N, C-alpha and C. Protein backbone atom coordinates (compact mmCIF):
# COMPACT_ATOMS: atom_id res chain seq x y z
N UNK A 1 112.10 -52.15 -100.83
CA UNK A 1 111.01 -51.85 -99.93
C UNK A 1 111.47 -50.71 -99.02
N UNK A 2 110.60 -49.76 -98.80
CA UNK A 2 110.95 -48.61 -97.99
C UNK A 2 110.54 -48.83 -96.53
N UNK A 3 111.43 -49.43 -95.78
CA UNK A 3 111.19 -49.81 -94.39
C UNK A 3 110.77 -48.60 -93.55
N UNK A 4 111.49 -47.50 -93.67
CA UNK A 4 111.21 -46.32 -92.84
C UNK A 4 109.82 -45.74 -93.13
N UNK A 5 109.47 -45.63 -94.39
CA UNK A 5 108.15 -45.09 -94.74
C UNK A 5 107.03 -45.99 -94.22
N UNK A 6 107.22 -47.29 -94.35
CA UNK A 6 106.19 -48.22 -93.88
C UNK A 6 106.05 -48.11 -92.37
N UNK A 7 107.16 -48.12 -91.65
CA UNK A 7 107.09 -48.03 -90.18
C UNK A 7 106.52 -46.69 -89.73
N UNK A 8 106.89 -45.61 -90.41
CA UNK A 8 106.36 -44.29 -90.03
C UNK A 8 104.86 -44.19 -90.29
N UNK A 9 104.40 -44.78 -91.37
CA UNK A 9 102.99 -44.68 -91.74
C UNK A 9 102.11 -45.68 -90.98
N UNK A 10 102.57 -46.92 -90.87
CA UNK A 10 101.74 -47.99 -90.31
C UNK A 10 102.15 -48.42 -88.90
N UNK A 11 103.39 -48.17 -88.54
CA UNK A 11 103.90 -48.61 -87.24
C UNK A 11 104.78 -49.83 -87.34
N UNK A 12 105.57 -50.07 -86.30
CA UNK A 12 106.52 -51.17 -86.28
C UNK A 12 105.80 -52.52 -86.25
N UNK A 13 104.72 -52.64 -85.47
CA UNK A 13 103.99 -53.91 -85.39
C UNK A 13 103.46 -54.31 -86.77
N UNK A 14 102.89 -53.34 -87.50
CA UNK A 14 102.39 -53.64 -88.83
C UNK A 14 103.53 -54.05 -89.75
N UNK A 15 104.65 -53.35 -89.68
CA UNK A 15 105.81 -53.66 -90.52
C UNK A 15 106.24 -55.12 -90.31
N UNK A 16 106.34 -55.53 -89.05
CA UNK A 16 106.75 -56.90 -88.75
C UNK A 16 105.72 -57.91 -89.25
N UNK A 17 104.42 -57.60 -89.09
CA UNK A 17 103.36 -58.46 -89.61
C UNK A 17 103.47 -58.56 -91.13
N UNK A 18 103.70 -57.41 -91.77
CA UNK A 18 103.80 -57.37 -93.22
C UNK A 18 104.95 -58.24 -93.72
N UNK A 19 106.09 -58.19 -93.05
CA UNK A 19 107.23 -59.02 -93.46
C UNK A 19 106.88 -60.50 -93.34
N UNK A 20 106.26 -60.88 -92.24
CA UNK A 20 105.85 -62.28 -92.05
C UNK A 20 104.82 -62.70 -93.10
N UNK A 21 103.84 -61.83 -93.34
CA UNK A 21 102.81 -62.13 -94.35
C UNK A 21 103.43 -62.25 -95.74
N UNK A 22 104.35 -61.37 -96.05
CA UNK A 22 105.00 -61.39 -97.36
C UNK A 22 105.73 -62.72 -97.57
N UNK A 23 106.44 -63.16 -96.57
CA UNK A 23 107.15 -64.44 -96.67
C UNK A 23 106.17 -65.60 -96.79
N UNK A 24 105.15 -65.61 -95.93
CA UNK A 24 104.18 -66.70 -95.91
C UNK A 24 103.44 -66.84 -97.24
N UNK A 25 102.88 -65.73 -97.75
CA UNK A 25 102.05 -65.82 -98.95
C UNK A 25 102.87 -65.94 -100.22
N UNK A 26 104.12 -65.50 -100.18
CA UNK A 26 105.02 -65.74 -101.31
C UNK A 26 105.19 -67.24 -101.51
N UNK A 27 105.34 -67.96 -100.41
CA UNK A 27 105.50 -69.41 -100.48
C UNK A 27 104.18 -70.10 -100.84
N UNK A 28 103.11 -69.74 -100.15
CA UNK A 28 101.81 -70.41 -100.37
C UNK A 28 101.31 -70.21 -101.79
N UNK A 29 101.37 -68.97 -102.28
CA UNK A 29 100.80 -68.65 -103.59
C UNK A 29 101.84 -68.62 -104.70
N UNK A 30 103.06 -69.04 -104.40
CA UNK A 30 104.14 -69.14 -105.40
C UNK A 30 104.32 -67.82 -106.14
N UNK A 31 104.67 -66.78 -105.39
CA UNK A 31 104.85 -65.44 -105.95
C UNK A 31 106.33 -65.15 -106.17
N UNK A 32 106.60 -64.35 -107.20
CA UNK A 32 107.97 -63.93 -107.49
C UNK A 32 107.94 -62.50 -108.02
N UNK A 33 109.12 -61.96 -108.27
CA UNK A 33 109.27 -60.59 -108.80
C UNK A 33 108.43 -59.60 -108.00
N UNK A 34 108.52 -59.66 -106.70
CA UNK A 34 107.71 -58.82 -105.82
C UNK A 34 108.33 -57.43 -105.75
N UNK A 35 107.50 -56.43 -106.03
CA UNK A 35 107.95 -55.03 -106.06
C UNK A 35 106.90 -54.17 -105.37
N UNK A 36 107.34 -53.44 -104.35
CA UNK A 36 106.40 -52.59 -103.63
C UNK A 36 105.98 -51.40 -104.49
N UNK A 37 104.71 -51.08 -104.42
CA UNK A 37 104.18 -49.87 -105.05
C UNK A 37 104.21 -48.79 -103.98
N UNK A 38 104.84 -47.69 -104.28
CA UNK A 38 104.97 -46.58 -103.33
C UNK A 38 103.63 -45.87 -103.16
N UNK A 39 102.77 -46.49 -102.38
CA UNK A 39 101.45 -45.94 -102.12
C UNK A 39 101.10 -46.32 -100.70
N UNK A 40 100.80 -45.33 -99.90
CA UNK A 40 100.57 -45.59 -98.48
C UNK A 40 99.16 -45.17 -98.10
N UNK A 41 98.30 -46.16 -97.92
CA UNK A 41 96.93 -45.91 -97.49
C UNK A 41 96.71 -46.78 -96.27
N UNK A 42 95.86 -47.77 -96.39
CA UNK A 42 95.63 -48.70 -95.29
C UNK A 42 96.26 -50.06 -95.57
N UNK A 43 96.89 -50.21 -96.72
CA UNK A 43 97.52 -51.47 -97.11
C UNK A 43 98.92 -51.20 -97.65
N UNK A 44 99.76 -52.22 -97.61
CA UNK A 44 100.99 -52.21 -98.40
C UNK A 44 100.65 -52.99 -99.66
N UNK A 45 101.05 -52.44 -100.78
CA UNK A 45 100.66 -53.01 -102.06
C UNK A 45 101.91 -53.39 -102.85
N UNK A 46 101.88 -54.59 -103.42
CA UNK A 46 103.02 -55.11 -104.17
C UNK A 46 102.57 -55.65 -105.52
N UNK A 47 103.33 -55.33 -106.55
CA UNK A 47 103.16 -56.01 -107.83
C UNK A 47 103.95 -57.30 -107.74
N UNK A 48 103.45 -58.35 -108.36
CA UNK A 48 104.16 -59.62 -108.31
C UNK A 48 103.70 -60.51 -109.47
N UNK A 49 104.35 -61.64 -109.57
CA UNK A 49 103.97 -62.65 -110.56
C UNK A 49 103.65 -63.93 -109.81
N UNK A 50 102.52 -64.51 -110.13
CA UNK A 50 102.09 -65.78 -109.55
C UNK A 50 102.30 -66.88 -110.58
N UNK A 51 102.86 -68.00 -110.13
CA UNK A 51 103.01 -69.15 -111.04
C UNK A 51 101.67 -69.57 -111.61
N UNK A 52 100.60 -69.42 -110.82
CA UNK A 52 99.27 -69.88 -111.22
C UNK A 52 98.48 -68.84 -112.02
N UNK A 53 98.61 -67.53 -111.64
CA UNK A 53 97.73 -66.51 -112.21
C UNK A 53 98.42 -65.50 -113.12
N UNK A 54 99.72 -65.41 -113.07
CA UNK A 54 100.42 -64.41 -113.86
C UNK A 54 100.59 -63.11 -113.08
N UNK A 55 100.41 -61.97 -113.74
CA UNK A 55 100.61 -60.67 -113.10
C UNK A 55 99.54 -60.42 -112.04
N UNK A 56 99.98 -60.07 -110.84
CA UNK A 56 99.07 -59.90 -109.71
C UNK A 56 99.43 -58.68 -108.88
N UNK A 57 98.50 -58.33 -108.02
CA UNK A 57 98.71 -57.33 -106.97
C UNK A 57 98.45 -58.03 -105.64
N UNK A 58 99.41 -57.91 -104.73
CA UNK A 58 99.27 -58.45 -103.39
C UNK A 58 99.03 -57.29 -102.44
N UNK A 59 97.90 -57.31 -101.77
CA UNK A 59 97.56 -56.26 -100.80
C UNK A 59 97.68 -56.86 -99.41
N UNK A 60 98.52 -56.25 -98.59
CA UNK A 60 98.71 -56.70 -97.22
C UNK A 60 98.26 -55.59 -96.29
N UNK A 61 97.29 -55.90 -95.47
CA UNK A 61 96.78 -54.92 -94.51
C UNK A 61 96.43 -55.60 -93.21
N UNK A 62 95.81 -54.86 -92.34
CA UNK A 62 95.28 -55.44 -91.11
C UNK A 62 93.89 -55.98 -91.41
N UNK A 63 93.49 -57.03 -90.73
CA UNK A 63 92.12 -57.53 -90.93
C UNK A 63 91.11 -56.41 -90.66
N UNK A 64 90.16 -56.27 -91.57
CA UNK A 64 89.16 -55.21 -91.41
C UNK A 64 87.90 -55.57 -92.17
N UNK A 65 86.84 -54.90 -91.81
CA UNK A 65 85.56 -55.08 -92.51
C UNK A 65 85.71 -54.63 -93.97
N UNK A 66 86.53 -53.60 -94.19
CA UNK A 66 86.72 -53.09 -95.55
C UNK A 66 87.38 -54.13 -96.46
N UNK A 67 88.35 -54.88 -95.91
CA UNK A 67 88.99 -55.93 -96.70
C UNK A 67 87.98 -57.01 -97.07
N UNK A 68 87.14 -57.37 -96.12
CA UNK A 68 86.10 -58.36 -96.38
C UNK A 68 85.12 -57.85 -97.44
N UNK A 69 84.72 -56.58 -97.35
CA UNK A 69 83.81 -55.99 -98.32
C UNK A 69 84.43 -55.98 -99.71
N UNK A 70 85.70 -55.60 -99.80
CA UNK A 70 86.39 -55.58 -101.09
C UNK A 70 86.44 -56.98 -101.69
N UNK A 71 86.76 -57.97 -100.88
CA UNK A 71 86.82 -59.35 -101.37
C UNK A 71 85.45 -59.82 -101.84
N UNK A 72 84.41 -59.51 -101.08
CA UNK A 72 83.05 -59.90 -101.48
C UNK A 72 82.67 -59.26 -102.82
N UNK A 73 82.98 -57.97 -102.96
CA UNK A 73 82.69 -57.25 -104.20
C UNK A 73 83.41 -57.91 -105.38
N UNK A 74 84.70 -58.15 -105.21
CA UNK A 74 85.47 -58.73 -106.31
C UNK A 74 85.01 -60.15 -106.65
N UNK A 75 84.58 -60.91 -105.66
CA UNK A 75 84.04 -62.25 -105.94
C UNK A 75 82.78 -62.16 -106.79
N UNK A 76 81.92 -61.19 -106.48
CA UNK A 76 80.68 -61.04 -107.25
C UNK A 76 80.96 -60.63 -108.69
N UNK A 77 82.04 -59.91 -108.91
CA UNK A 77 82.36 -59.40 -110.24
C UNK A 77 83.38 -60.28 -110.96
N UNK A 78 83.62 -61.49 -110.49
CA UNK A 78 84.58 -62.39 -111.13
C UNK A 78 84.23 -62.56 -112.60
N UNK A 79 85.25 -62.48 -113.44
CA UNK A 79 85.13 -62.64 -114.89
C UNK A 79 84.23 -61.60 -115.54
N UNK A 80 84.25 -60.39 -114.99
CA UNK A 80 83.54 -59.27 -115.61
C UNK A 80 84.58 -58.23 -116.01
N UNK A 81 84.18 -56.98 -116.08
CA UNK A 81 85.08 -55.90 -116.48
C UNK A 81 85.91 -55.37 -115.33
N UNK A 82 85.79 -55.98 -114.16
CA UNK A 82 86.54 -55.58 -112.97
C UNK A 82 87.63 -56.61 -112.75
N UNK A 83 88.73 -56.21 -112.12
CA UNK A 83 89.81 -57.17 -111.87
C UNK A 83 89.32 -58.33 -111.00
N UNK A 84 89.91 -59.47 -111.19
CA UNK A 84 89.52 -60.68 -110.47
C UNK A 84 90.24 -60.80 -109.14
N UNK A 85 89.55 -61.35 -108.17
CA UNK A 85 90.16 -61.74 -106.91
C UNK A 85 90.62 -63.17 -107.09
N UNK A 86 91.92 -63.40 -106.93
CA UNK A 86 92.45 -64.75 -107.11
C UNK A 86 92.48 -65.53 -105.79
N UNK A 87 92.97 -64.90 -104.76
CA UNK A 87 93.11 -65.56 -103.46
C UNK A 87 92.84 -64.52 -102.38
N UNK A 88 92.44 -64.99 -101.20
CA UNK A 88 92.21 -64.07 -100.09
C UNK A 88 92.37 -64.80 -98.76
N UNK A 89 92.91 -64.09 -97.81
CA UNK A 89 92.92 -64.53 -96.42
C UNK A 89 92.37 -63.35 -95.63
N UNK A 90 91.06 -63.28 -95.56
CA UNK A 90 90.36 -62.15 -94.95
C UNK A 90 90.76 -61.98 -93.48
N UNK A 91 90.91 -63.10 -92.78
CA UNK A 91 91.25 -63.05 -91.36
C UNK A 91 92.60 -62.39 -91.11
N UNK A 92 93.47 -62.37 -92.12
CA UNK A 92 94.78 -61.73 -91.99
C UNK A 92 94.91 -60.45 -92.82
N UNK A 93 93.84 -60.05 -93.51
CA UNK A 93 93.87 -58.81 -94.29
C UNK A 93 94.67 -58.90 -95.58
N UNK A 94 94.66 -60.07 -96.23
CA UNK A 94 95.49 -60.31 -97.41
C UNK A 94 94.61 -60.58 -98.63
N UNK A 95 94.91 -59.88 -99.74
CA UNK A 95 94.21 -60.13 -101.01
C UNK A 95 95.24 -60.28 -102.12
N UNK A 96 95.01 -61.23 -103.01
CA UNK A 96 95.79 -61.37 -104.23
C UNK A 96 94.82 -61.15 -105.38
N UNK A 97 95.03 -60.07 -106.11
CA UNK A 97 94.09 -59.70 -107.17
C UNK A 97 94.81 -59.59 -108.51
N UNK A 98 94.03 -59.61 -109.55
CA UNK A 98 94.54 -59.48 -110.91
C UNK A 98 95.17 -58.09 -111.09
N UNK A 99 96.33 -58.08 -111.71
CA UNK A 99 96.96 -56.80 -112.03
C UNK A 99 96.47 -56.35 -113.41
N UNK A 100 95.88 -55.18 -113.43
CA UNK A 100 95.40 -54.64 -114.70
C UNK A 100 96.47 -53.77 -115.33
N UNK A 101 96.52 -53.78 -116.64
CA UNK A 101 97.47 -52.97 -117.37
C UNK A 101 96.72 -51.84 -118.06
N UNK A 102 97.25 -50.64 -117.93
CA UNK A 102 96.59 -49.50 -118.55
C UNK A 102 96.54 -49.66 -120.06
N UNK A 103 95.43 -49.25 -120.61
CA UNK A 103 95.27 -49.28 -122.06
C UNK A 103 95.38 -47.86 -122.61
N UNK A 104 94.78 -47.65 -123.74
CA UNK A 104 94.76 -46.34 -124.36
C UNK A 104 93.70 -45.48 -123.69
N UNK A 105 94.05 -44.26 -123.36
CA UNK A 105 93.07 -43.35 -122.75
C UNK A 105 92.01 -42.97 -123.77
N UNK A 106 90.78 -42.82 -123.28
CA UNK A 106 89.69 -42.45 -124.18
C UNK A 106 89.98 -41.14 -124.90
N UNK A 107 90.60 -40.22 -124.22
CA UNK A 107 90.89 -38.92 -124.84
C UNK A 107 91.85 -39.02 -126.02
N UNK A 108 92.57 -40.13 -126.11
CA UNK A 108 93.48 -40.32 -127.23
C UNK A 108 92.73 -40.59 -128.52
N UNK A 109 91.46 -41.02 -128.42
CA UNK A 109 90.63 -41.25 -129.61
C UNK A 109 90.06 -39.91 -130.06
N UNK A 110 90.48 -39.42 -131.23
CA UNK A 110 90.03 -38.09 -131.68
C UNK A 110 88.56 -38.05 -132.12
N UNK A 111 88.03 -39.17 -132.57
CA UNK A 111 86.66 -39.21 -133.06
C UNK A 111 85.70 -39.35 -131.89
N UNK A 112 84.87 -38.35 -131.65
CA UNK A 112 83.95 -38.34 -130.52
C UNK A 112 82.97 -39.52 -130.56
N UNK A 113 82.46 -39.86 -131.73
CA UNK A 113 81.52 -40.98 -131.83
C UNK A 113 82.20 -42.30 -131.42
N UNK A 114 83.42 -42.51 -131.86
CA UNK A 114 84.15 -43.72 -131.47
C UNK A 114 84.44 -43.71 -129.98
N UNK A 115 84.78 -42.54 -129.46
CA UNK A 115 85.07 -42.42 -128.03
C UNK A 115 83.84 -42.76 -127.20
N UNK A 116 82.68 -42.23 -127.60
CA UNK A 116 81.44 -42.53 -126.89
C UNK A 116 81.08 -44.00 -126.99
N UNK A 117 81.30 -44.59 -128.17
CA UNK A 117 81.03 -46.00 -128.35
C UNK A 117 81.91 -46.85 -127.43
N UNK A 118 83.18 -46.51 -127.34
CA UNK A 118 84.10 -47.23 -126.45
C UNK A 118 83.68 -47.08 -124.99
N UNK A 119 83.30 -45.86 -124.60
CA UNK A 119 82.85 -45.63 -123.23
C UNK A 119 81.63 -46.48 -122.92
N UNK A 120 80.70 -46.53 -123.83
CA UNK A 120 79.48 -47.32 -123.63
C UNK A 120 79.83 -48.81 -123.47
N UNK A 121 80.71 -49.32 -124.33
CA UNK A 121 81.08 -50.73 -124.26
C UNK A 121 81.73 -51.08 -122.92
N UNK A 122 82.52 -50.17 -122.40
CA UNK A 122 83.19 -50.42 -121.11
C UNK A 122 82.20 -50.30 -119.95
N UNK A 123 81.36 -49.30 -119.99
CA UNK A 123 80.50 -49.04 -118.83
C UNK A 123 79.18 -49.82 -118.84
N UNK A 124 78.72 -50.24 -120.00
CA UNK A 124 77.44 -50.94 -120.09
C UNK A 124 77.49 -52.27 -119.33
N UNK A 125 76.54 -52.47 -118.48
CA UNK A 125 76.46 -53.70 -117.71
C UNK A 125 77.45 -53.79 -116.57
N UNK A 126 78.11 -52.69 -116.25
CA UNK A 126 79.11 -52.70 -115.18
C UNK A 126 78.47 -52.95 -113.83
N UNK A 127 77.32 -52.34 -113.59
CA UNK A 127 76.66 -52.53 -112.31
C UNK A 127 75.84 -53.82 -112.32
N UNK A 128 76.02 -54.61 -111.27
CA UNK A 128 75.19 -55.80 -111.10
C UNK A 128 74.61 -55.76 -109.69
N UNK A 129 73.45 -56.36 -109.53
CA UNK A 129 72.84 -56.42 -108.20
C UNK A 129 73.57 -57.47 -107.39
N UNK A 130 73.87 -57.16 -106.13
CA UNK A 130 74.57 -58.15 -105.30
C UNK A 130 73.68 -59.36 -105.02
N UNK A 131 74.31 -60.52 -104.97
CA UNK A 131 73.57 -61.75 -104.66
C UNK A 131 73.06 -61.71 -103.23
N UNK A 132 73.82 -61.09 -102.35
CA UNK A 132 73.43 -60.97 -100.95
C UNK A 132 73.79 -59.57 -100.46
N UNK A 133 72.87 -58.65 -100.59
CA UNK A 133 73.17 -57.25 -100.25
C UNK A 133 73.44 -57.05 -98.76
N UNK A 134 73.07 -58.00 -97.93
CA UNK A 134 73.29 -57.88 -96.48
C UNK A 134 74.77 -57.95 -96.11
N UNK A 135 75.65 -58.44 -97.01
CA UNK A 135 77.07 -58.53 -96.68
C UNK A 135 77.82 -57.23 -96.95
N UNK A 136 77.12 -56.22 -97.45
CA UNK A 136 77.75 -54.95 -97.77
C UNK A 136 77.32 -53.87 -96.79
N UNK A 137 78.22 -52.93 -96.51
CA UNK A 137 77.82 -51.82 -95.64
C UNK A 137 76.81 -50.94 -96.34
N UNK A 138 76.05 -50.22 -95.54
CA UNK A 138 75.06 -49.29 -96.10
C UNK A 138 75.39 -47.88 -95.65
N UNK A 139 74.76 -46.91 -96.28
CA UNK A 139 74.95 -45.52 -95.85
C UNK A 139 74.46 -45.33 -94.44
N UNK A 140 73.42 -46.02 -94.08
CA UNK A 140 72.89 -45.90 -92.71
C UNK A 140 73.86 -46.49 -91.69
N UNK A 141 74.56 -47.55 -92.11
CA UNK A 141 75.52 -48.21 -91.21
C UNK A 141 76.79 -47.42 -91.08
């Protein structure tokens, strides 16, 4: 884990919260093989293995409306073509989501008809209407 980068990007208070959260949720959700992904946005992101779910991504951030929105979105798309949300502690800004593994890139398929067919199969039915659209931010908001 890159302590200096985390503290420089997020601050010391966040770093200390992240360490506590990492310890807490590792125990609660039975996580192992935790490896930080070198990506600095609004969360610290870790690849890990869950005894219950297998390969996962643990996102540790500050509590925010965006974390709640992401969790709501992933709940609505459970068991679809989007990664699953396994566990969440919205009040603490923590998400445990399914780790997706990259497949073959569409461009690797030389046959254009097959490539278009694959694209259609992946994208068809991807959009669903939210069960409760009031829980999502709007452009006006």
